[in-house]
Protein backbone atom coordinates (compact mmCIF):
# COMPACT_ATOMS: atom_id res chain seq x y z
CA MET A 1 -26.14 37.39 128.84
CA THR A 2 -28.84 40.29 129.11
CA ALA A 3 -32.01 38.17 127.02
CA TYR A 4 -34.20 39.83 124.00
CA HIS A 5 -37.61 42.21 125.29
CA PRO A 6 -39.16 43.54 122.94
CA ILE A 7 -41.49 46.23 123.09
CA LYS A 8 -44.73 46.52 123.53
CA ILE A 9 -47.03 48.73 122.38
CA SER A 10 -50.48 48.41 124.54
CA GLY A 11 -53.24 48.55 124.39
CA ARG A 12 -54.64 52.35 124.90
CA ALA A 13 -52.00 53.95 123.03
CA ARG A 14 -52.73 52.07 119.63
CA GLN A 15 -55.94 53.56 120.54
CA LYS A 16 -54.48 56.63 120.47
CA ARG A 17 -53.03 56.06 117.28
CA ALA A 18 -56.03 54.82 115.00
CA ILE A 19 -58.15 58.15 116.23
CA PHE A 20 -54.84 60.28 115.82
CA GLY A 21 -54.57 59.14 111.93
CA LEU A 22 -58.78 59.05 111.69
CA ILE A 23 -59.44 62.96 112.43
CA LEU A 24 -56.19 63.55 110.45
CA PHE A 25 -57.17 61.22 107.13
CA LEU A 26 -60.96 63.23 107.61
CA ILE A 27 -59.17 66.69 107.69
CA LEU A 28 -57.37 66.23 104.57
CA THR A 29 -60.23 64.48 102.62
CA PHE A 30 -62.17 67.83 103.57
CA GLY A 31 -59.52 70.77 103.28
CA LEU A 32 -58.46 69.27 100.21
CA SER A 33 -62.30 70.27 99.20
CA TYR A 34 -62.04 73.19 98.62
CA ALA A 35 -60.26 75.55 96.36
CA GLY A 36 -58.20 77.62 98.90
CA PRO A 37 -56.19 74.05 100.33
CA ARG A 38 -56.00 72.24 97.47
CA HIS A 39 -54.28 75.10 95.46
CA TRP A 40 -51.96 74.96 98.41
CA ALA A 41 -51.88 71.09 98.53
CA GLY A 42 -51.15 71.34 94.95
CA ASN A 43 -48.42 74.14 94.33
CA ILE A 44 -46.22 71.72 97.60
CA GLY A 45 -46.65 68.76 95.81
CA LEU A 46 -45.59 70.89 92.37
CA LYS A 47 -42.73 71.68 93.92
CA ILE A 48 -41.53 68.80 95.66
CA LEU A 49 -42.53 66.54 91.91
CA SER A 50 -40.91 69.37 89.59
CA PRO A 51 -37.80 68.60 90.64
CA PHE A 52 -38.17 65.05 89.01
CA TRP A 53 -39.99 65.97 85.98
CA ALA A 54 -36.86 68.06 85.38
CA VAL A 55 -34.68 65.50 85.28
CA ARG A 56 -37.26 62.76 83.34
CA GLN A 57 -37.55 65.69 80.40
CA THR A 58 -33.47 66.46 79.93
CA THR A 59 -32.76 62.41 80.38
CA GLY A 60 -36.01 61.75 77.51
CA ASN A 61 -34.00 64.94 75.77
CA ILE A 62 -30.24 63.21 75.82
CA PHE A 63 -32.18 60.10 75.06
CA SER A 64 -34.02 61.77 72.06
CA ASN A 65 -30.41 63.36 70.54
CA ILE A 66 -28.67 60.21 70.80
CA GLY A 67 -31.09 58.23 69.10
CA ALA A 68 -31.08 60.96 66.43
CA LEU A 69 -28.12 61.07 66.02
CA PHE A 70 -27.80 57.47 65.91
CA ALA A 71 -30.54 57.55 63.36
CA ASN A 72 -28.64 59.99 61.20
CA LYS A 73 -25.03 57.85 61.80
CA LEU A 74 -27.14 54.77 59.87
CA LYS A 75 -28.49 57.30 57.18
CA LEU A 76 -25.37 58.51 56.54
CA ALA A 77 -23.46 55.47 56.16
CA ASN A 78 -26.38 53.91 53.72
CA GLU A 79 -26.06 57.23 51.76
CA ASN A 80 -22.04 56.97 51.45
CA GLY A 81 -23.07 53.31 50.67
CA ARG A 82 -25.13 53.76 47.65
CA LEU A 83 -22.38 56.38 46.43
CA ARG A 84 -19.52 54.12 46.58
CA ALA A 85 -21.79 51.23 45.19
CA ILE A 86 -22.59 54.46 41.66
CA ILE A 87 -18.78 55.73 41.68
CA ASP A 88 -18.32 51.78 41.46
CA GLN A 89 -20.60 51.04 39.25
CA GLN A 90 -18.74 54.38 37.34
CA ALA A 91 -15.33 53.46 37.14
CA THR A 92 -16.43 49.32 35.78
CA ALA A 93 -18.08 51.12 33.15
CA LEU A 94 -15.63 53.66 31.70
CA SER A 95 -13.28 50.47 32.34
CA ASN A 96 -15.33 48.43 29.75
CA GLN A 97 -15.51 51.78 27.98
CA GLU A 98 -11.53 51.68 27.22
CA ILE A 99 -11.47 47.49 26.01
CA LEU A 100 -14.06 48.23 24.21
CA LYS A 101 -12.39 51.37 22.43
CA GLU A 102 -9.07 48.36 22.24
CA GLU A 103 -10.46 45.93 21.05
CA ASN A 104 -12.36 48.42 18.36
CA THR A 105 -8.97 49.59 17.39
CA THR A 106 -7.74 46.56 16.67
CA LEU A 107 -10.95 45.47 15.05
CA ARG A 108 -10.42 48.32 12.33
CA GLN A 109 -7.10 47.30 11.97
CA ILE A 110 -7.21 44.06 11.39
CA VAL A 111 -10.40 44.84 8.18
CA ASN A 112 -8.48 47.84 6.83
CA ARG A 113 -5.86 45.94 5.76
CA PRO A 114 -4.70 45.10 2.16
CA PRO A 115 -6.98 42.29 1.41
CA ASP A 116 -4.53 40.12 0.27
CA LEU A 117 -3.07 39.76 4.91
CA LEU A 118 -7.35 39.95 5.13
CA PRO A 119 -7.73 36.88 7.81
CA LEU A 120 -9.87 34.62 6.56
CA THR A 121 -12.20 34.81 10.38
CA ILE A 122 -11.94 36.10 13.80
CA GLY A 123 -12.33 34.53 16.83
CA ARG A 124 -12.41 35.67 20.60
CA LEU A 125 -10.74 33.92 23.58
CA ILE A 126 -13.12 32.41 25.42
CA SER A 127 -10.44 30.94 28.36
CA ARG A 128 -8.90 34.12 28.37
CA GLY A 129 -6.66 35.96 31.68
CA GLN A 130 -5.38 32.61 32.13
CA GLN A 131 -1.60 30.91 31.29
CA PHE A 132 -3.08 27.99 29.37
CA PRO A 133 -1.12 25.41 31.11
CA PHE A 134 -1.78 22.38 28.85
CA GLY A 135 -0.42 24.90 25.32
CA THR A 136 -4.44 24.95 24.33
CA ALA A 137 -7.53 27.30 24.33
CA LEU A 138 -10.85 28.07 23.06
CA ILE A 139 -12.08 30.45 20.60
CA ASP A 140 -15.88 31.48 20.44
CA ILE A 141 -16.14 30.00 16.83
CA GLY A 142 -17.04 27.00 15.10
CA SER A 143 -18.28 24.75 11.96
CA GLN A 144 -21.79 26.35 13.02
CA ASN A 145 -21.84 30.10 13.74
CA VAL A 146 -19.19 31.73 11.05
CA ASN A 147 -19.50 31.23 7.12
CA THR A 148 -15.83 30.56 6.44
CA ALA A 149 -15.24 26.41 6.76
CA LEU A 150 -13.06 25.92 8.85
CA THR A 151 -10.45 23.11 9.27
CA PRO A 152 -7.53 22.00 11.41
CA GLY A 153 -4.71 23.25 10.59
CA LEU A 154 -5.35 27.39 10.28
CA VAL A 155 -2.73 29.42 11.89
CA ALA A 156 -4.16 31.65 14.95
CA VAL A 157 -2.38 34.94 14.30
CA SER A 158 -2.31 38.19 16.96
CA GLU A 159 -2.33 41.67 15.62
CA GLY A 160 -2.06 40.60 12.16
CA THR A 161 1.69 40.02 12.62
CA VAL A 162 2.45 37.33 15.26
CA ILE A 163 1.82 33.51 15.12
CA LEU A 164 0.86 31.77 17.67
CA GLY A 165 -0.67 28.53 16.59
CA GLU A 166 -2.79 26.59 14.68
CA LEU A 167 -6.84 24.55 15.06
CA VAL A 168 -6.23 21.48 16.63
CA GLU A 169 -10.72 21.17 17.03
CA ILE A 170 -13.55 22.07 15.17
CA TYR A 171 -16.75 22.27 17.37
CA GLU A 172 -19.94 23.42 16.50
CA THR A 173 -19.83 26.71 18.38
CA LYS A 174 -16.22 26.84 19.74
CA ALA A 175 -12.64 25.77 18.63
CA LYS A 176 -9.55 24.34 19.81
CA MET A 177 -6.05 25.83 19.00
CA SER A 178 -3.13 24.40 20.52
CA PHE A 179 0.09 26.95 20.99
CA TYR A 180 3.20 26.41 19.42
CA SER A 181 5.19 27.08 22.42
CA THR A 182 3.26 24.41 24.18
CA THR A 183 6.22 22.17 25.85
CA GLY A 184 7.55 20.05 23.94
CA GLU A 185 6.23 21.15 20.85
CA ARG A 186 9.01 21.81 17.87
CA LEU A 187 8.83 24.17 14.63
CA ILE A 188 11.22 25.26 12.46
CA GLY A 189 11.86 29.08 11.92
CA ASN A 190 13.94 31.52 9.88
CA LEU A 191 16.04 33.55 12.22
CA GLY A 192 17.78 36.91 11.63
CA GLU A 193 17.76 39.02 7.97
CA LYS A 194 19.58 36.18 6.57
CA ASN A 195 16.58 33.78 7.33
CA ILE A 196 18.66 31.31 9.17
CA PRO A 197 17.17 27.84 9.29
CA ILE A 198 16.49 26.81 12.87
CA GLU A 199 14.47 24.17 14.81
CA LEU A 200 12.79 25.73 18.47
CA THR A 201 11.17 23.28 21.26
CA GLY A 202 8.50 25.13 23.06
CA HIS A 203 9.07 25.84 26.97
CA GLY A 204 5.41 26.80 27.78
CA GLY A 205 3.78 30.63 27.61
CA GLY A 206 5.42 31.89 24.76
CA ASN A 207 8.51 30.63 25.36
CA PHE A 208 11.48 29.20 23.56
CA THR A 209 14.77 27.87 23.15
CA THR A 210 16.86 26.45 20.57
CA SER A 211 20.68 25.33 20.46
CA LEU A 212 22.94 26.28 17.83
CA PRO A 213 26.22 26.82 16.54
CA ARG A 214 29.32 28.54 18.81
CA ASP A 215 30.80 30.60 15.69
CA LEU A 216 26.92 31.22 14.74
CA THR A 217 26.26 35.41 15.36
CA VAL A 218 22.86 36.03 17.36
CA SER A 219 21.93 38.87 19.44
CA ILE A 220 19.66 39.53 21.42
CA ASN A 221 16.58 40.57 19.75
CA ASP A 222 16.91 38.81 16.72
CA GLN A 223 13.47 37.55 15.12
CA VAL A 224 12.53 34.01 14.55
CA THR A 225 10.27 33.93 11.67
CA VAL A 226 7.52 31.82 9.77
CA THR A 227 6.37 31.88 6.34
CA VAL A 228 2.56 30.96 5.96
CA ALA A 229 1.11 30.68 2.21
CA GLY A 230 3.59 33.42 1.53
CA HIS A 231 2.56 35.92 4.73
CA GLU A 232 5.48 35.99 7.14
CA PHE A 233 4.95 35.62 10.99
CA LEU A 234 6.96 36.72 13.82
CA LEU A 235 7.50 33.77 15.73
CA ALA A 236 9.07 34.74 18.57
CA VAL A 237 12.11 37.22 19.36
CA VAL A 238 16.06 36.58 21.23
CA ASN A 239 15.76 37.54 25.27
CA ASP A 240 19.18 35.34 25.95
CA ILE A 241 22.08 34.14 25.37
CA GLN A 242 24.06 31.14 27.09
CA ARG A 243 27.37 30.36 26.11
CA ALA A 244 29.26 27.62 27.93
CA ALA A 245 33.54 27.34 28.08
CA GLY A 246 33.75 24.73 26.41
CA ASP A 247 31.09 24.18 24.92
CA SER A 248 30.83 23.90 21.06
CA PHE A 249 27.77 25.02 20.86
CA GLN A 250 25.42 28.34 22.56
CA LYS A 251 21.69 28.09 23.77
CA ILE A 252 18.87 30.39 22.79
CA PHE A 253 16.41 31.66 24.91
CA LEU A 254 13.51 33.37 23.35
CA ARG A 255 9.91 34.77 23.54
CA SER A 256 6.75 35.20 21.42
CA PRO A 257 6.33 39.30 21.38
CA ILE A 258 2.59 39.28 22.71
CA ASN A 259 1.65 38.34 26.41
CA ILE A 260 -0.87 35.22 25.38
CA SER A 261 -1.80 35.11 29.41
CA GLN A 262 -3.80 38.84 27.81
CA LEU A 263 -4.64 37.42 24.42
CA VAL A 264 -8.85 38.25 23.34
CA TRP A 265 -8.66 38.27 19.51
CA ILE A 266 -7.55 35.69 17.44
CA GLU A 267 -7.34 35.79 13.65
CA LEU A 268 -7.35 32.67 11.69
CA TYR A 269 -5.39 32.34 7.63
CA ALA A 270 -5.06 29.04 5.63
CA PRO A 271 -1.88 27.78 5.31
């Protein structure tokens, strides 16, 4: 195996290199102090460095353009969000306007009725849009915010024709009503044009059932009414009939014509 021997540079050679470097330094120093050589050296340096400056400028322009693009997109996104918020606000305002228009129409219908059909007072449901699983609802009128004295037993009516229930508790600024259709509740009504007395059982959510003799003629859409203080109110409408073979009774299913989950106004009448 051949041993490695580093190349040694003699002292004379090192001395020559040092002298050459010193002479070159002096030439460059004195040469660049004059305008001609300095101009020549500057041109050479400019030619050498100009490609790098061009690349740098191009790269800077690219990043500047990218930054501007992202800034414009962010601006557009913010503007889009602002416009969407305005549209949502306008849609909500229009929806509220339609609701107020419908409520105004309802109230006008109520107050323009003949005197003998005017309610004692009108209340707005607090617990709107619910199915009232316990068969009760709160109204925004009480003993201190209405001129008319409220007492348990006042009947609650919707749209002047459909009877729904009655007041059961009175508070200072609100009252509680109970629906006749509450599960297990029983109520006497009059069926059809002949006003046949029948007993209905509540099944919740505006639904009722009753059992009648099989030979009693009952048809879909027959109405059941309730008379209160000389006024006849609609309670429910027949929507299904079941007759089992050999059974002497027929089961009648009825439903309130008002969707109680969408109730807004309640009119109160004295019994």
